[in-house]
N, C-alpha and C. Protein backbone atom coordinates (compact mmCIF):
# COMPACT_ATOMS: atom_id res chain seq x y z
N UNK A 1 20.61 -13.25 0.55
CA UNK A 1 22.00 -12.55 1.34
C UNK A 1 22.52 -13.42 2.02
N UNK A 2 23.56 -13.45 1.75
CA UNK A 2 24.61 -14.44 2.91
C UNK A 2 25.05 -13.73 4.05
N UNK A 3 24.84 -14.59 5.04
CA UNK A 3 25.13 -13.74 6.38
C UNK A 3 26.94 -13.62 6.45
N UNK A 4 27.16 -13.32 7.16
CA UNK A 4 28.80 -13.38 7.36
C UNK A 4 28.83 -12.95 9.22
N UNK A 5 30.38 -12.74 9.80
CA UNK A 5 30.33 -12.53 11.08
C UNK A 5 29.94 -11.39 11.46
N UNK A 6 29.97 -10.34 10.29
CA UNK A 6 29.69 -8.52 10.53
C UNK A 6 27.94 -8.35 10.19
N UNK A 7 27.70 -9.06 9.09
CA UNK A 7 26.03 -8.71 8.75
C UNK A 7 24.94 -9.92 8.79
N UNK A 8 24.13 -9.62 9.52
CA UNK A 8 23.09 -10.64 9.42
C UNK A 8 21.84 -9.79 8.24
N UNK A 9 20.91 -10.65 7.75
CA UNK A 9 19.87 -10.09 6.84
C UNK A 9 18.47 -10.44 7.12
N UNK A 10 17.65 -9.71 7.68
CA UNK A 10 15.90 -10.09 8.08
C UNK A 10 15.35 -9.49 7.08
N UNK A 11 14.42 -10.32 6.61
CA UNK A 11 13.08 -9.71 5.75
C UNK A 11 12.34 -9.41 6.53
N UNK A 12 11.73 -8.36 6.30
CA UNK A 12 10.35 -7.81 7.16
C UNK A 12 9.12 -7.51 5.65
N UNK A 13 8.19 -8.46 6.01
CA UNK A 13 6.96 -8.26 4.98
C UNK A 13 5.69 -7.29 5.87
N UNK A 14 5.46 -6.57 4.90
CA UNK A 14 4.35 -5.43 5.29
C UNK A 14 3.25 -6.31 5.23
N UNK A 15 2.66 -7.30 4.98
CA UNK A 15 1.61 -8.10 4.83
C UNK A 15 1.93 -9.09 6.05
N UNK A 16 2.74 -8.98 6.56
CA UNK A 16 2.78 -10.42 8.08
C UNK A 16 1.77 -10.14 8.74
N UNK A 17 1.50 -9.50 9.11
CA UNK A 17 0.33 -9.24 10.26
C UNK A 17 -0.99 -8.70 9.71
N UNK A 18 -0.99 -8.82 8.10
CA UNK A 18 -2.21 -7.90 7.82
C UNK A 18 -3.39 -9.03 7.89
N UNK A 19 -4.22 -8.75 8.98
CA UNK A 19 -5.44 -9.51 9.10
C UNK A 19 -6.65 -8.40 8.35
N UNK A 20 -6.37 -7.30 7.86
CA UNK A 20 -7.30 -6.53 7.50
C UNK A 20 -8.39 -6.71 6.04
N UNK A 21 -7.73 -7.74 5.37
CA UNK A 21 -8.35 -7.79 4.14
C UNK A 21 -9.97 -8.38 4.07
N UNK A 22 -10.04 -9.24 5.19
CA UNK A 22 -11.50 -9.33 5.13
C UNK A 22 -12.60 -8.41 5.71
N UNK A 23 -11.90 -7.41 6.38
CA UNK A 23 -12.83 -6.41 6.88
C UNK A 23 -12.86 -5.66 5.21
N UNK A 24 -11.54 -5.08 4.67
CA UNK A 24 -11.65 -4.49 3.69
C UNK A 24 -12.50 -4.91 2.52
N UNK A 25 -12.71 -6.32 2.18
CA UNK A 25 -13.36 -6.63 1.16
C UNK A 25 -14.91 -6.93 1.67
N UNK A 26 -15.73 -6.68 2.70
CA UNK A 26 -16.81 -6.78 3.21
C UNK A 26 -17.29 -5.19 3.18
N UNK A 27 -16.54 -4.29 3.33
CA UNK A 27 -16.72 -2.62 3.32
C UNK A 27 -16.64 -2.45 1.53
N UNK A 28 -15.64 -3.15 0.73
CA UNK A 28 -15.88 -2.85 -0.60
C UNK A 28 -17.34 -3.39 -1.13
N UNK A 29 -17.42 -4.45 -0.58
CA UNK A 29 -18.94 -4.97 -1.08
C UNK A 29 -20.25 -4.42 -0.61
N UNK A 30 -20.16 -3.67 0.21
CA UNK A 30 -21.29 -2.50 0.64
C UNK A 30 -21.11 -1.36 -0.16
N UNK A 31 -19.81 -1.28 -0.55
CA UNK A 31 -19.88 0.39 -1.12
C UNK A 31 -20.92 0.51 -2.23
N UNK A 32 -21.44 1.91 -2.40
CA UNK A 32 -22.60 2.07 -3.33
C UNK A 32 -22.23 2.96 -4.49
N UNK A 33 -20.92 3.64 -4.19
CA UNK A 33 -20.20 4.37 -4.98
C UNK A 33 -18.78 4.43 -5.04
N UNK A 34 -18.24 5.11 -6.00
CA UNK A 34 -16.63 5.07 -5.82
C UNK A 34 -16.05 5.87 -4.79
N UNK A 35 -16.90 6.59 -4.45
CA UNK A 35 -16.05 7.18 -2.93
C UNK A 35 -16.28 6.69 -1.94
N UNK A 36 -17.39 5.80 -1.70
CA UNK A 36 -17.49 4.83 -0.72
C UNK A 36 -16.30 3.65 -0.76
N UNK A 37 -16.20 3.42 -2.10
CA UNK A 37 -15.04 1.98 -2.04
C UNK A 37 -13.51 2.96 -1.69
N UNK A 38 -13.25 3.79 -2.14
CA UNK A 38 -12.04 4.34 -2.13
C UNK A 38 -12.05 4.55 -0.37
N UNK A 39 -12.73 5.02 0.33
CA UNK A 39 -12.89 5.11 1.95
C UNK A 39 -12.97 3.84 2.39
N UNK A 40 -13.22 2.81 1.89
CA UNK A 40 -12.85 1.55 2.41
C UNK A 40 -11.65 0.97 2.20
N UNK A 41 -10.77 1.27 0.88
CA UNK A 41 -9.40 1.37 0.71
C UNK A 41 -8.61 1.90 1.76
N UNK A 42 -9.07 2.96 1.89
CA UNK A 42 -8.25 3.72 2.94
C UNK A 42 -8.32 3.35 4.39
N UNK A 43 -9.51 3.32 4.40
CA UNK A 43 -10.08 2.74 6.14
C UNK A 43 -9.00 1.50 6.69
N UNK A 44 -9.08 0.63 5.60
CA UNK A 44 -8.00 -0.81 6.23
C UNK A 44 -7.04 -0.91 5.43
N UNK A 45 -6.50 -0.77 4.35
CA UNK A 45 -5.46 -0.61 3.96
C UNK A 45 -4.90 -2.66 3.81
N UNK A 46 -5.94 -3.15 3.16
CA UNK A 46 -5.97 -4.74 3.50
C UNK A 46 -5.59 -5.30 2.18
N UNK A 47 -5.42 -4.67 1.09
CA UNK A 47 -5.02 -5.40 -0.05
C UNK A 47 -3.76 -5.14 -0.32
N UNK A 48 -2.93 -6.22 -0.76
CA UNK A 48 -1.85 -6.59 -0.87
C UNK A 48 -1.53 -6.44 -2.43
N UNK A 49 -0.51 -5.35 -2.78
CA UNK A 49 0.01 -4.99 -4.05
C UNK A 49 -0.73 -5.16 -5.04
N UNK A 50 -1.97 -4.53 -5.12
CA UNK A 50 -3.12 -4.51 -6.09
C UNK A 50 -3.57 -3.23 -6.54
N UNK A 51 -3.94 -2.85 -7.50
CA UNK A 51 -4.27 -1.37 -8.12
C UNK A 51 -6.16 -1.77 -8.15
N UNK A 52 -6.78 -0.87 -7.69
CA UNK A 52 -8.01 -0.95 -7.89
C UNK A 52 -8.83 0.03 -9.00
N UNK A 53 -9.82 -0.30 -10.03
CA UNK A 53 -10.08 0.26 -10.88
C UNK A 53 -11.82 -0.13 -10.59
N UNK A 54 -12.61 1.04 -10.82
CA UNK A 54 -14.13 0.92 -10.46
C UNK A 54 -14.76 1.95 -11.19
N UNK A 55 -15.91 1.11 -11.28
CA UNK A 55 -16.95 2.49 -11.90
C UNK A 55 -18.47 2.49 -11.27
N UNK A 56 -19.02 3.56 -10.85
CA UNK A 56 -20.23 3.49 -10.56
C UNK A 56 -21.40 3.83 -11.23
N UNK A 57 -22.98 3.50 -10.96
CA UNK A 57 -23.97 4.02 -11.88
C UNK A 57 -24.08 5.44 -12.06
N UNK A 58 -23.42 6.47 -11.30
CA UNK A 58 -23.84 7.69 -11.20
C UNK A 58 -22.54 8.45 -12.26
N UNK A 59 -21.71 7.51 -13.06
CA UNK A 59 -20.42 7.99 -13.92
C UNK A 59 -19.38 8.20 -12.83
N UNK A 60 -18.99 7.87 -12.00
CA UNK A 60 -17.60 7.78 -11.25
C UNK A 60 -16.74 6.82 -11.52
N UNK A 61 -15.64 7.09 -11.92
CA UNK A 61 -14.68 6.25 -12.67
C UNK A 61 -13.41 6.29 -11.44
N UNK A 62 -12.90 5.28 -10.83
CA UNK A 62 -11.72 5.08 -9.51
C UNK A 62 -10.94 4.57 -10.05
N UNK A 63 -9.59 5.07 -9.73
CA UNK A 63 -8.31 4.28 -9.91
C UNK A 63 -7.59 4.50 -8.21
N UNK A 64 -6.98 3.52 -7.70
CA UNK A 64 -6.70 3.71 -6.66
C UNK A 64 -5.36 2.38 -6.68
N UNK A 65 -4.14 2.94 -6.14
CA UNK A 65 -3.24 1.91 -5.58
C UNK A 65 -3.00 2.35 -4.20
N UNK A 66 -4.13 1.82 -3.06
CA UNK A 66 -3.98 1.91 -1.84
C UNK A 66 -3.87 0.79 -0.89
N UNK A 67 -2.94 0.16 -1.24
CA UNK A 67 -2.06 -1.16 -0.62
C UNK A 67 -1.58 -0.64 0.45
N UNK A 68 -1.35 -2.21 1.26
CA UNK A 68 -0.59 -1.98 2.19
C UNK A 68 0.98 -2.11 1.84
N UNK A 69 1.66 -0.50 1.86
CA UNK A 69 3.34 -1.15 1.48
C UNK A 69 3.91 0.01 2.29
N UNK A 70 5.05 -0.51 2.26
CA UNK A 70 5.78 0.31 3.85
C UNK A 70 5.81 1.63 3.67
N UNK A 71 5.88 2.48 4.71
CA UNK A 71 6.06 4.00 4.83
C UNK A 71 7.70 4.07 4.71
N UNK A 72 8.00 4.37 3.76
CA UNK A 72 9.66 4.82 3.49
C UNK A 72 9.54 5.64 2.21
N UNK A 73 10.33 7.01 2.97
CA UNK A 73 10.49 8.01 2.20
C UNK A 73 11.54 8.19 1.55
N UNK A 74 11.71 8.91 0.49
CA UNK A 74 12.67 9.14 -0.49
C UNK A 74 14.13 9.36 0.42
N UNK A 75 13.78 10.16 1.37
CA UNK A 75 15.06 10.65 2.50
C UNK A 75 14.98 9.28 3.24
N UNK A 76 14.38 8.50 3.78
CA UNK A 76 14.66 7.25 4.75
C UNK A 76 15.18 6.34 3.66
N UNK A 77 15.53 6.46 2.66
CA UNK A 77 16.05 5.55 1.66
C UNK A 77 17.14 5.88 1.38
N UNK A 78 17.70 7.47 1.17
CA UNK A 78 18.92 7.57 0.83
C UNK A 78 19.84 7.62 1.94
N UNK A 79 19.29 7.82 3.09
CA UNK A 79 19.79 7.73 4.36
C UNK A 79 19.92 6.42 5.04
N UNK A 80 19.46 4.97 4.62
CA UNK A 80 19.42 4.02 5.09
C UNK A 80 19.63 2.76 4.21
N UNK A 81 19.30 2.81 3.36
CA UNK A 81 19.63 1.89 2.08
C UNK A 81 21.21 1.36 1.94
N UNK A 82 21.32 0.41 2.00
CA UNK A 82 22.74 -0.80 2.05
C UNK A 82 22.83 -1.19 0.68
N UNK A 83 24.34 -1.02 0.34
CA UNK A 83 24.45 -1.85 -1.25
C UNK A 83 24.68 -3.00 -1.01
N UNK A 84 23.79 -3.94 -1.26
CA UNK A 84 24.25 -5.21 -1.62
C UNK A 84 24.47 -6.03 -2.88
N UNK A 85 24.92 -4.88 -3.77
CA UNK A 85 25.06 -5.58 -4.91
C UNK A 85 23.93 -5.99 -5.82
N UNK A 86 22.62 -6.14 -5.27
CA UNK A 86 21.59 -6.27 -6.02
C UNK A 86 20.67 -5.24 -5.86
N UNK A 87 20.38 -4.59 -7.37
CA UNK A 87 19.64 -3.36 -7.46
C UNK A 87 18.36 -3.44 -7.45
N UNK A 88 17.51 -4.39 -7.62
CA UNK A 88 16.17 -4.91 -7.21
C UNK A 88 15.89 -5.07 -5.76
N UNK A 89 16.69 -5.28 -4.97
CA UNK A 89 16.79 -5.50 -3.37
C UNK A 89 16.48 -4.37 -2.93
N UNK A 90 15.88 -3.84 -2.00
CA UNK A 90 15.89 -2.69 -1.30
C UNK A 90 15.97 -3.22 0.08
N UNK A 91 17.30 -2.91 0.93
CA UNK A 91 17.78 -3.30 2.03
C UNK A 91 18.20 -2.06 2.83
N UNK A 92 17.69 -1.91 3.91
CA UNK A 92 17.73 -1.02 5.04
C UNK A 92 18.74 -1.35 6.35
N UNK A 93 19.31 -0.45 7.15
CA UNK A 93 20.58 -0.60 8.01
C UNK A 93 19.29 -0.80 8.94
N UNK A 94 18.89 -2.19 9.58
CA UNK A 94 18.28 -2.20 10.50
C UNK A 94 19.07 -2.18 11.72
N UNK A 95 19.94 -1.87 11.91
CA UNK A 95 20.90 -1.58 13.27
C UNK A 95 20.72 -0.11 13.41
N UNK A 96 20.00 0.62 13.09
CA UNK A 96 19.51 1.82 13.25
C UNK A 96 18.13 2.14 13.45
N UNK A 97 17.63 2.34 14.64
CA UNK A 97 16.45 2.73 14.85
C UNK A 97 15.66 3.68 13.86
N UNK A 98 16.77 4.63 13.62
CA UNK A 98 15.86 5.29 12.65
C UNK A 98 15.66 5.14 11.12
N UNK A 99 16.37 3.81 10.88
CA UNK A 99 15.82 3.68 9.57
C UNK A 99 14.51 2.64 9.45
N UNK A 100 13.74 2.36 10.33
CA UNK A 100 12.61 1.56 10.52
C UNK A 100 11.79 2.44 9.59
N UNK A 101 10.43 1.49 8.94
CA UNK A 101 9.35 2.41 8.47
C UNK A 101 8.77 3.33 9.47
N UNK A 102 8.89 4.66 8.84
CA UNK A 102 7.90 5.43 9.32
C UNK A 102 6.22 5.24 10.05
N UNK A 103 5.93 5.49 10.79
CA UNK A 103 4.57 5.46 11.55
C UNK A 103 3.97 7.09 11.29
N UNK A 104 2.84 6.89 10.61
CA UNK A 104 1.83 7.96 10.64
C UNK A 104 0.87 7.49 11.39
N UNK A 105 0.14 8.35 11.81
CA UNK A 105 -0.98 8.19 12.23
C UNK A 105 -2.44 7.88 11.38
N UNK A 106 -2.13 8.67 10.26
CA UNK A 106 -3.49 8.48 9.34
C UNK A 106 -3.23 6.93 8.41
N UNK A 107 -2.24 6.19 8.78
CA UNK A 107 -2.11 4.87 8.24
C UNK A 107 -3.11 3.88 8.97
N UNK A 108 -3.71 2.80 8.35
CA UNK A 108 -4.37 1.64 9.08
C UNK A 108 -3.78 1.38 9.91
N UNK A 109 -2.49 0.89 9.73
CA UNK A 109 -1.56 0.11 10.59
C UNK A 109 -0.40 0.44 10.79
N UNK A 110 0.79 0.58 12.03
CA UNK A 110 1.79 1.25 12.33
C UNK A 110 2.56 0.64 11.08
N UNK A 111 3.72 1.60 10.27
CA UNK A 111 4.60 1.24 9.31
C UNK A 111 4.13 1.42 7.92
N UNK A 112 2.98 1.64 7.38
CA UNK A 112 2.32 1.44 6.68
C UNK A 112 2.51 3.14 5.84
N UNK A 113 2.37 3.14 4.64
CA UNK A 113 2.18 4.23 3.81
C UNK A 113 0.59 5.00 4.40
N UNK A 114 0.67 6.31 4.84
CA UNK A 114 -1.09 6.49 4.69
C UNK A 114 -1.41 6.69 3.40
N UNK A 115 -2.57 6.32 3.50
CA UNK A 115 -3.69 6.29 2.29
C UNK A 115 -3.67 8.11 1.59
N UNK A 116 -3.30 8.92 2.14
CA UNK A 116 -3.19 10.21 1.70
C UNK A 116 -2.21 10.63 0.61
N UNK A 117 -1.26 9.41 1.18
CA UNK A 117 0.06 9.65 -0.03
C UNK A 117 0.00 8.64 -0.92
N UNK A 118 -1.16 7.68 -1.07
CA UNK A 118 -1.16 7.26 -2.07
C UNK A 118 -1.91 7.39 -3.22
N UNK A 119 -1.61 7.02 -4.40
CA UNK A 119 -2.22 7.64 -5.20
C UNK A 119 -3.69 6.60 -5.70
N UNK A 120 -4.50 8.02 -5.85
CA UNK A 120 -6.04 7.44 -5.96
C UNK A 120 -6.86 8.64 -7.00
N UNK A 121 -7.82 8.22 -7.83
CA UNK A 121 -8.09 9.38 -8.70
C UNK A 121 -9.73 9.11 -8.74
N UNK A 122 -10.80 9.91 -8.43
CA UNK A 122 -12.19 9.73 -8.86
C UNK A 122 -12.41 10.72 -10.18
N UNK A 123 -12.87 10.56 -11.35
CA UNK A 123 -12.91 11.16 -12.29
C UNK A 123 -14.59 10.98 -13.09
N UNK A 124 -14.78 11.63 -13.81
CA UNK A 124 -16.19 11.33 -14.57
C UNK A 124 -15.75 10.80 -16.02
N UNK A 125 -14.49 10.84 -16.35
CA UNK A 125 -14.09 10.53 -17.42
C UNK A 125 -13.75 8.80 -17.52
N UNK A 126 -12.53 8.49 -16.97
CA UNK A 126 -12.13 7.15 -17.53
C UNK A 126 -10.91 6.53 -16.52
N UNK A 127 -10.76 5.59 -16.03
CA UNK A 127 -9.16 5.45 -15.36
C UNK A 127 -8.81 4.06 -16.25
N UNK A 128 -7.50 3.86 -16.10
CA UNK A 128 -7.14 2.53 -16.52
C UNK A 128 -5.77 1.99 -15.90
N UNK A 129 -5.40 1.18 -15.91
CA UNK A 129 -4.19 0.69 -15.72
C UNK A 129 -4.22 -1.12 -16.26
N UNK A 130 -3.15 -1.14 -16.08
CA UNK A 130 -2.24 -2.47 -16.98
C UNK A 130 -2.39 -3.69 -16.15
N UNK A 131 -2.38 -3.18 -15.10
CA UNK A 131 -2.35 -4.65 -14.09
C UNK A 131 -3.23 -4.74 -12.76
N UNK A 132 -4.56 -4.70 -13.01
CA UNK A 132 -5.39 -3.87 -11.95
C UNK A 132 -6.52 -5.19 -11.64
N UNK A 133 -7.05 -4.89 -10.41
CA UNK A 133 -7.84 -5.88 -9.95
C UNK A 133 -9.09 -4.89 -9.99
N UNK A 134 -10.16 -5.50 -10.96
CA UNK A 134 -11.39 -4.80 -11.71
C UNK A 134 -12.50 -5.08 -10.60
N UNK A 135 -13.35 -4.11 -10.40
CA UNK A 135 -14.52 -4.36 -9.55
C UNK A 135 -15.42 -3.36 -9.81
N UNK A 136 -16.71 -3.80 -10.28
CA UNK A 136 -17.86 -3.02 -10.46
C UNK A 136 -18.80 -2.61 -9.33
N UNK A 137 -19.00 -1.48 -8.97
CA UNK A 137 -19.94 -1.37 -7.73
C UNK A 137 -21.31 -1.07 -7.70
N UNK A 138 -21.66 -2.21 -7.32
CA UNK A 138 -23.41 -2.17 -7.57
C UNK A 138 -24.19 -1.00 -6.70
N UNK A 139 -25.26 -0.87 -7.18
CA UNK A 139 -26.34 -0.46 -6.27
C UNK A 139 -26.75 -0.89 -5.01
């Protein structure tokens, strides 16, 4: 994005200060079933841009997309998005403090979307995704 006398662009990376992944993967490795695995994902939100699919020996199957993503609602996008001419690049009005990522106490870190609002499913049938991080939970 070209800077001008009127506009300056700054990129904010949701994973810039993400030091939670080591703790998350430790807790994942200690999970005994898919519910404990989902709790580890929610507690840390340390994975960057991955879906998780897992199965446990009790017949549980988990799909979760509980990674570190900005907490930006549809309302915030509607109010704050700036048309840059590139529809694939979401740009928010950084000069307006109300356009900052929303902070929710349920998130593992300020500005992340809380796990309760991210997709996850535990079922006794099956789960699938075509772009996954596959993990089998050991007893």
